[in-house]
Amino acid sequence: MKYYSDKTKKFYETADECMTEEKVFDSCKKQNSVLKKKLADDVAQAESKLNEAYDNYSAARDEASSIVREAEKKAKLIVDAARDDVVKAQKEKETALRNFNDKFGTYTVTYTGEDAMREFRRATDILDTLFNWRF
């Protein structure tokens, strides 16, 4: 006669074999249940750590943004003060050139080497200012 186990869904030759397999099955099921709960707890703990890490990341980004905004304000103050000095010096040069031109005609100058490079850089800086590429 064969014995069928509803738990294991298998046929066995003897009742003892069926009972033994059902006990092993119950034991494995209990172990799997404990393991499943432990692994689910591990997932929940990992998710909690991930949420905390995202919160810290968001706070760090906000702090970094405020630092950058503050640095941009300070840099703008520094650059604006220097730009004002440049505008003032430029106006003085224009006045001096106008006075020279009124008295003696056109003022001419030729730039070579380092002087030419310096004037070129000044011209590109003016373009950067016009299009607000830097500050």
N, C-alpha and C. Protein backbone atom coordinates (compact mmCIF):
# COMPACT_ATOMS: atom_id res chain seq x y z
N MET A 1 0.83 -1.17 0.00
CA MET A 1 0.00 0.00 0.00
C MET A 1 0.88 1.24 0.00
N LYS A 2 0.47 2.27 -0.72
CA LYS A 2 1.23 3.52 -0.80
C LYS A 2 0.52 4.57 0.03
N TYR A 3 1.35 5.47 0.57
CA TYR A 3 0.82 6.54 1.42
C TYR A 3 1.09 7.88 0.72
N TYR A 4 0.08 8.72 0.73
CA TYR A 4 0.19 10.03 0.08
C TYR A 4 0.23 11.11 1.15
N SER A 5 1.16 12.04 0.98
CA SER A 5 1.28 13.15 1.92
C SER A 5 0.71 14.41 1.28
N ASP A 6 -0.24 15.02 1.97
CA ASP A 6 -0.81 16.28 1.48
C ASP A 6 0.20 17.44 1.62
N LYS A 7 1.12 17.29 2.54
CA LYS A 7 2.11 18.34 2.74
C LYS A 7 3.17 18.33 1.65
N THR A 8 3.72 17.16 1.37
CA THR A 8 4.80 17.08 0.39
C THR A 8 4.30 16.82 -1.02
N LYS A 9 3.03 16.39 -1.11
CA LYS A 9 2.39 16.08 -2.41
C LYS A 9 3.12 14.93 -3.13
N LYS A 10 3.54 13.93 -2.32
CA LYS A 10 4.24 12.78 -2.87
C LYS A 10 3.68 11.48 -2.26
N PHE A 11 3.99 10.37 -2.94
CA PHE A 11 3.62 9.04 -2.45
C PHE A 11 4.82 8.39 -1.78
N TYR A 12 4.54 7.61 -0.70
CA TYR A 12 5.60 6.91 0.04
C TYR A 12 5.21 5.45 0.22
N GLU A 13 6.21 4.59 0.41
CA GLU A 13 5.99 3.15 0.53
C GLU A 13 5.45 2.77 1.90
N THR A 14 5.97 3.49 2.94
CA THR A 14 5.54 3.13 4.30
C THR A 14 5.02 4.37 5.02
N ALA A 15 4.26 4.11 6.10
CA ALA A 15 3.72 5.21 6.89
C ALA A 15 4.84 5.94 7.62
N ASP A 16 5.86 5.18 8.10
CA ASP A 16 6.99 5.81 8.79
C ASP A 16 7.75 6.75 7.86
N GLU A 17 7.96 6.30 6.64
CA GLU A 17 8.67 7.12 5.66
C GLU A 17 7.87 8.40 5.38
N CYS A 18 6.56 8.26 5.29
CA CYS A 18 5.69 9.42 5.04
C CYS A 18 5.77 10.39 6.21
N MET A 19 5.69 9.86 7.45
CA MET A 19 5.75 10.71 8.65
C MET A 19 7.11 11.41 8.77
N THR A 20 8.17 10.68 8.48
CA THR A 20 9.53 11.25 8.55
C THR A 20 9.67 12.39 7.54
N GLU A 21 9.23 12.18 6.32
CA GLU A 21 9.33 13.20 5.28
C GLU A 21 8.47 14.42 5.62
N GLU A 22 7.31 14.20 6.23
CA GLU A 22 6.47 15.33 6.62
C GLU A 22 7.13 16.14 7.73
N LYS A 23 7.82 15.45 8.67
CA LYS A 23 8.55 16.16 9.73
C LYS A 23 9.69 16.98 9.14
N VAL A 24 10.42 16.38 8.20
CA VAL A 24 11.52 17.10 7.54
C VAL A 24 10.95 18.29 6.77
N PHE A 25 9.81 18.05 6.10
CA PHE A 25 9.17 19.12 5.35
C PHE A 25 8.75 20.27 6.27
N ASP A 26 8.13 19.93 7.42
CA ASP A 26 7.72 20.96 8.39
C ASP A 26 8.93 21.71 8.94
N SER A 27 10.00 20.96 9.21
CA SER A 27 11.22 21.58 9.72
C SER A 27 11.81 22.55 8.70
N CYS A 28 11.87 22.12 7.44
CA CYS A 28 12.39 23.00 6.38
C CYS A 28 11.50 24.22 6.19
N LYS A 29 10.20 24.00 6.28
CA LYS A 29 9.26 25.10 6.11
C LYS A 29 9.45 26.12 7.23
N LYS A 30 9.65 25.62 8.47
CA LYS A 30 9.85 26.52 9.59
C LYS A 30 11.16 27.27 9.43
N GLN A 31 12.22 26.57 9.01
CA GLN A 31 13.51 27.23 8.79
C GLN A 31 13.40 28.28 7.69
N ASN A 32 12.68 27.95 6.62
CA ASN A 32 12.49 28.92 5.54
C ASN A 32 11.70 30.13 6.01
N SER A 33 10.73 29.87 6.88
CA SER A 33 9.93 30.97 7.42
C SER A 33 10.81 31.91 8.25
N VAL A 34 11.66 31.33 9.10
CA VAL A 34 12.57 32.13 9.92
C VAL A 34 13.56 32.88 9.03
N LEU A 35 14.11 32.17 8.04
CA LEU A 35 15.06 32.79 7.11
C LEU A 35 14.39 33.90 6.31
N LYS A 36 13.17 33.66 5.87
CA LYS A 36 12.43 34.65 5.11
C LYS A 36 12.21 35.91 5.94
N LYS A 37 11.83 35.72 7.22
CA LYS A 37 11.62 36.87 8.10
C LYS A 37 12.92 37.63 8.30
N LYS A 38 14.02 36.91 8.51
CA LYS A 38 15.31 37.57 8.70
C LYS A 38 15.71 38.36 7.45
N LEU A 39 15.56 37.75 6.29
CA LEU A 39 15.93 38.43 5.05
C LEU A 39 15.02 39.63 4.79
N ALA A 40 13.74 39.50 5.12
CA ALA A 40 12.82 40.64 4.97
C ALA A 40 13.21 41.78 5.90
N ASP A 41 13.64 41.42 7.13
CA ASP A 41 14.11 42.45 8.06
C ASP A 41 15.37 43.12 7.53
N ASP A 42 16.27 42.33 6.92
CA ASP A 42 17.49 42.90 6.33
C ASP A 42 17.14 43.87 5.21
N VAL A 43 16.16 43.52 4.38
CA VAL A 43 15.73 44.40 3.29
C VAL A 43 15.16 45.69 3.87
N ALA A 44 14.33 45.58 4.91
CA ALA A 44 13.73 46.76 5.53
C ALA A 44 14.81 47.66 6.13
N GLN A 45 15.80 47.05 6.76
CA GLN A 45 16.90 47.81 7.35
C GLN A 45 17.72 48.51 6.27
N ALA A 46 18.00 47.80 5.18
CA ALA A 46 18.76 48.38 4.07
C ALA A 46 17.98 49.54 3.44
N GLU A 47 16.67 49.37 3.32
CA GLU A 47 15.85 50.44 2.77
C GLU A 47 15.85 51.65 3.68
N SER A 48 15.83 51.42 4.98
CA SER A 48 15.89 52.51 5.94
C SER A 48 17.21 53.27 5.81
N LYS A 49 18.31 52.53 5.67
CA LYS A 49 19.62 53.17 5.48
C LYS A 49 19.66 53.96 4.18
N LEU A 50 19.06 53.40 3.13
CA LEU A 50 19.02 54.09 1.84
C LEU A 50 18.24 55.38 1.94
N ASN A 51 17.09 55.35 2.62
CA ASN A 51 16.30 56.57 2.81
C ASN A 51 17.08 57.62 3.58
N GLU A 52 17.79 57.18 4.62
CA GLU A 52 18.61 58.10 5.40
C GLU A 52 19.73 58.70 4.53
N ALA A 53 20.35 57.86 3.70
CA ALA A 53 21.42 58.34 2.82
C ALA A 53 20.87 59.36 1.82
N TYR A 54 19.69 59.10 1.27
CA TYR A 54 19.08 60.07 0.35
C TYR A 54 18.76 61.38 1.06
N ASP A 55 18.28 61.31 2.29
CA ASP A 55 18.00 62.52 3.06
C ASP A 55 19.28 63.31 3.30
N ASN A 56 20.37 62.60 3.67
CA ASN A 56 21.65 63.25 3.88
C ASN A 56 22.17 63.87 2.59
N TYR A 57 21.98 63.15 1.47
CA TYR A 57 22.42 63.67 0.18
C TYR A 57 21.66 64.94 -0.18
N SER A 58 20.38 64.95 0.04
CA SER A 58 19.56 66.13 -0.24
C SER A 58 20.00 67.31 0.61
N ALA A 59 20.25 67.06 1.89
CA ALA A 59 20.71 68.11 2.79
C ALA A 59 22.08 68.63 2.35
N ALA A 60 22.97 67.72 1.93
CA ALA A 60 24.29 68.13 1.48
C ALA A 60 24.21 68.98 0.21
N ARG A 61 23.31 68.60 -0.72
CA ARG A 61 23.14 69.39 -1.94
C ARG A 61 22.61 70.78 -1.60
N ASP A 62 21.66 70.86 -0.67
CA ASP A 62 21.12 72.16 -0.27
C ASP A 62 22.22 73.03 0.36
N GLU A 63 23.02 72.41 1.23
CA GLU A 63 24.11 73.15 1.86
C GLU A 63 25.14 73.61 0.83
N ALA A 64 25.48 72.72 -0.10
CA ALA A 64 26.45 73.08 -1.15
C ALA A 64 25.90 74.20 -2.02
N SER A 65 24.61 74.15 -2.33
CA SER A 65 24.00 75.21 -3.14
C SER A 65 24.06 76.55 -2.43
N SER A 66 23.79 76.55 -1.14
CA SER A 66 23.85 77.81 -0.40
C SER A 66 25.29 78.33 -0.33
N ILE A 67 26.26 77.43 -0.20
CA ILE A 67 27.67 77.85 -0.18
C ILE A 67 28.04 78.46 -1.53
N VAL A 68 27.60 77.81 -2.62
CA VAL A 68 27.91 78.33 -3.96
C VAL A 68 27.25 79.69 -4.17
N ARG A 69 25.98 79.84 -3.76
CA ARG A 69 25.30 81.13 -3.91
C ARG A 69 26.03 82.22 -3.14
N GLU A 70 26.45 81.90 -1.91
CA GLU A 70 27.16 82.88 -1.09
C GLU A 70 28.51 83.23 -1.73
N ALA A 71 29.21 82.22 -2.25
CA ALA A 71 30.49 82.47 -2.90
C ALA A 71 30.31 83.31 -4.16
N GLU A 72 29.23 83.04 -4.91
CA GLU A 72 28.97 83.84 -6.12
C GLU A 72 28.70 85.30 -5.75
N LYS A 73 27.98 85.52 -4.65
CA LYS A 73 27.73 86.89 -4.21
C LYS A 73 29.04 87.60 -3.86
N LYS A 74 29.90 86.90 -3.10
CA LYS A 74 31.18 87.49 -2.71
C LYS A 74 32.05 87.74 -3.94
N ALA A 75 32.08 86.77 -4.86
CA ALA A 75 32.89 86.92 -6.07
C ALA A 75 32.37 88.08 -6.91
N LYS A 76 31.05 88.23 -6.99
CA LYS A 76 30.47 89.33 -7.76
C LYS A 76 30.86 90.67 -7.15
N LEU A 77 30.86 90.77 -5.83
CA LEU A 77 31.28 92.02 -5.18
C LEU A 77 32.73 92.35 -5.52
N ILE A 78 33.58 91.34 -5.47
CA ILE A 78 35.00 91.55 -5.78
C ILE A 78 35.18 91.97 -7.23
N VAL A 79 34.52 91.25 -8.14
CA VAL A 79 34.66 91.54 -9.56
C VAL A 79 34.04 92.89 -9.89
N ASP A 80 32.89 93.21 -9.30
CA ASP A 80 32.26 94.50 -9.57
C ASP A 80 33.15 95.66 -9.13
N ALA A 81 33.80 95.53 -7.98
CA ALA A 81 34.70 96.58 -7.52
C ALA A 81 35.86 96.75 -8.49
N ALA A 82 36.44 95.65 -8.94
CA ALA A 82 37.55 95.72 -9.89
C ALA A 82 37.07 96.28 -11.23
N ARG A 83 35.86 95.89 -11.65
CA ARG A 83 35.31 96.39 -12.92
C ARG A 83 35.09 97.90 -12.84
N ASP A 84 34.62 98.37 -11.69
CA ASP A 84 34.43 99.81 -11.52
C ASP A 84 35.75 100.56 -11.66
N ASP A 85 36.82 99.97 -11.11
CA ASP A 85 38.14 100.58 -11.26
C ASP A 85 38.57 100.61 -12.73
N VAL A 86 38.26 99.54 -13.46
CA VAL A 86 38.61 99.48 -14.88
C VAL A 86 37.83 100.55 -15.65
N VAL A 87 36.54 100.68 -15.37
CA VAL A 87 35.72 101.68 -16.05
C VAL A 87 36.25 103.08 -15.78
N LYS A 88 36.61 103.34 -14.54
CA LYS A 88 37.15 104.65 -14.17
C LYS A 88 38.47 104.92 -14.91
N ALA A 89 39.35 103.92 -14.92
CA ALA A 89 40.64 104.09 -15.62
C ALA A 89 40.43 104.23 -17.13
N GLN A 90 39.46 103.50 -17.68
CA GLN A 90 39.16 103.61 -19.11
C GLN A 90 38.67 105.01 -19.47
N LYS A 91 37.82 105.56 -18.62
CA LYS A 91 37.32 106.92 -18.87
C LYS A 91 38.46 107.93 -18.81
N GLU A 92 39.38 107.75 -17.87
CA GLU A 92 40.54 108.65 -17.78
C GLU A 92 41.39 108.55 -19.04
N LYS A 93 41.58 107.32 -19.56
CA LYS A 93 42.36 107.14 -20.78
C LYS A 93 41.64 107.80 -21.96
N GLU A 94 40.33 107.61 -22.03
CA GLU A 94 39.56 108.22 -23.12
C GLU A 94 39.65 109.74 -23.08
N THR A 95 39.60 110.30 -21.88
CA THR A 95 39.73 111.75 -21.73
C THR A 95 41.11 112.21 -22.18
N ALA A 96 42.14 111.48 -21.76
CA ALA A 96 43.51 111.83 -22.16
C ALA A 96 43.67 111.72 -23.68
N LEU A 97 43.11 110.67 -24.29
CA LEU A 97 43.19 110.52 -25.76
C LEU A 97 42.43 111.64 -26.47
N ARG A 98 41.26 112.00 -25.95
CA ARG A 98 40.47 113.07 -26.56
C ARG A 98 41.24 114.39 -26.51
N ASN A 99 41.87 114.68 -25.36
CA ASN A 99 42.66 115.91 -25.22
C ASN A 99 43.83 115.91 -26.19
N PHE A 100 44.51 114.77 -26.32
CA PHE A 100 45.64 114.67 -27.26
C PHE A 100 45.14 114.87 -28.69
N ASN A 101 44.05 114.20 -29.06
CA ASN A 101 43.51 114.30 -30.41
C ASN A 101 43.06 115.73 -30.74
N ASP A 102 42.49 116.41 -29.77
CA ASP A 102 42.06 117.80 -29.99
C ASP A 102 43.25 118.71 -30.26
N LYS A 103 44.37 118.49 -29.59
CA LYS A 103 45.53 119.37 -29.72
C LYS A 103 46.44 118.98 -30.88
N PHE A 104 46.68 117.66 -31.05
CA PHE A 104 47.72 117.24 -31.99
C PHE A 104 47.24 116.30 -33.10
N GLY A 105 46.01 115.94 -33.16
CA GLY A 105 45.52 115.02 -34.19
C GLY A 105 45.44 113.60 -33.64
N THR A 106 45.30 112.67 -34.54
CA THR A 106 45.08 111.27 -34.15
C THR A 106 46.28 110.69 -33.41
N TYR A 107 45.97 110.03 -32.29
CA TYR A 107 46.98 109.33 -31.50
C TYR A 107 47.07 107.91 -32.02
N THR A 108 48.25 107.45 -32.35
CA THR A 108 48.44 106.09 -32.83
C THR A 108 49.47 105.38 -31.99
N VAL A 109 49.29 104.06 -31.89
CA VAL A 109 50.23 103.23 -31.15
C VAL A 109 50.25 101.86 -31.81
N THR A 110 51.40 101.20 -31.80
CA THR A 110 51.54 99.86 -32.36
C THR A 110 51.93 98.91 -31.23
N TYR A 111 51.18 97.83 -31.13
CA TYR A 111 51.45 96.85 -30.09
C TYR A 111 52.12 95.62 -30.71
N THR A 112 53.17 95.13 -30.06
CA THR A 112 53.84 93.91 -30.48
C THR A 112 54.15 93.07 -29.25
N GLY A 113 54.37 91.79 -29.45
CA GLY A 113 54.80 90.89 -28.38
C GLY A 113 53.82 90.82 -27.23
N GLU A 114 54.34 90.99 -26.03
CA GLU A 114 53.52 90.90 -24.82
C GLU A 114 52.44 91.97 -24.77
N ASP A 115 52.76 93.17 -25.24
CA ASP A 115 51.76 94.24 -25.24
C ASP A 115 50.58 93.87 -26.14
N ALA A 116 50.86 93.29 -27.30
CA ALA A 116 49.79 92.87 -28.21
C ALA A 116 48.94 91.78 -27.56
N MET A 117 49.58 90.83 -26.90
CA MET A 117 48.84 89.75 -26.24
C MET A 117 47.97 90.31 -25.10
N ARG A 118 48.50 91.26 -24.34
CA ARG A 118 47.74 91.87 -23.25
C ARG A 118 46.51 92.59 -23.80
N GLU A 119 46.66 93.34 -24.88
CA GLU A 119 45.53 94.04 -25.49
C GLU A 119 44.50 93.06 -26.05
N PHE A 120 44.99 91.96 -26.62
CA PHE A 120 44.08 90.93 -27.13
C PHE A 120 43.26 90.34 -26.00
N ARG A 121 43.91 90.04 -24.89
CA ARG A 121 43.20 89.49 -23.73
C ARG A 121 42.18 90.49 -23.19
N ARG A 122 42.53 91.74 -23.18
CA ARG A 122 41.58 92.76 -22.73
C ARG A 122 40.35 92.77 -23.64
N ALA A 123 40.58 92.67 -24.94
CA ALA A 123 39.45 92.68 -25.88
C ALA A 123 38.55 91.47 -25.67
N THR A 124 39.14 90.30 -25.44
CA THR A 124 38.31 89.11 -25.20
C THR A 124 37.59 89.22 -23.86
N ASP A 125 38.21 89.86 -22.88
CA ASP A 125 37.54 90.07 -21.60
C ASP A 125 36.32 90.97 -21.77
N ILE A 126 36.43 91.96 -22.65
CA ILE A 126 35.29 92.84 -22.91
C ILE A 126 34.15 92.03 -23.52
N LEU A 127 34.48 91.11 -24.45
CA LEU A 127 33.45 90.26 -25.04
C LEU A 127 32.81 89.36 -23.98
N ASP A 128 33.64 88.83 -23.10
CA ASP A 128 33.10 87.98 -22.03
C ASP A 128 32.14 88.78 -21.16
N THR A 129 32.47 90.03 -20.89
CA THR A 129 31.61 90.87 -20.07
C THR A 129 30.32 91.19 -20.81
N LEU A 130 30.42 91.47 -22.09
CA LEU A 130 29.23 91.80 -22.87
C LEU A 130 28.23 90.65 -22.89
N PHE A 131 28.76 89.43 -23.04
CA PHE A 131 27.88 88.27 -23.13
C PHE A 131 27.72 87.55 -21.80
N ASN A 132 28.29 88.11 -20.75
CA ASN A 132 28.16 87.58 -19.39
C ASN A 132 28.55 86.11 -19.31
N TRP A 133 29.69 85.75 -19.89
CA TRP A 133 30.13 84.37 -19.90
C TRP A 133 30.74 83.94 -18.57
N ARG A 134 31.29 84.86 -17.86
CA ARG A 134 31.95 84.49 -16.59
C ARG A 134 31.16 85.01 -15.40
N PHE A 135 31.13 86.33 -15.23
CA PHE A 135 30.45 86.90 -14.06
C PHE A 135 29.35 87.81 -14.51
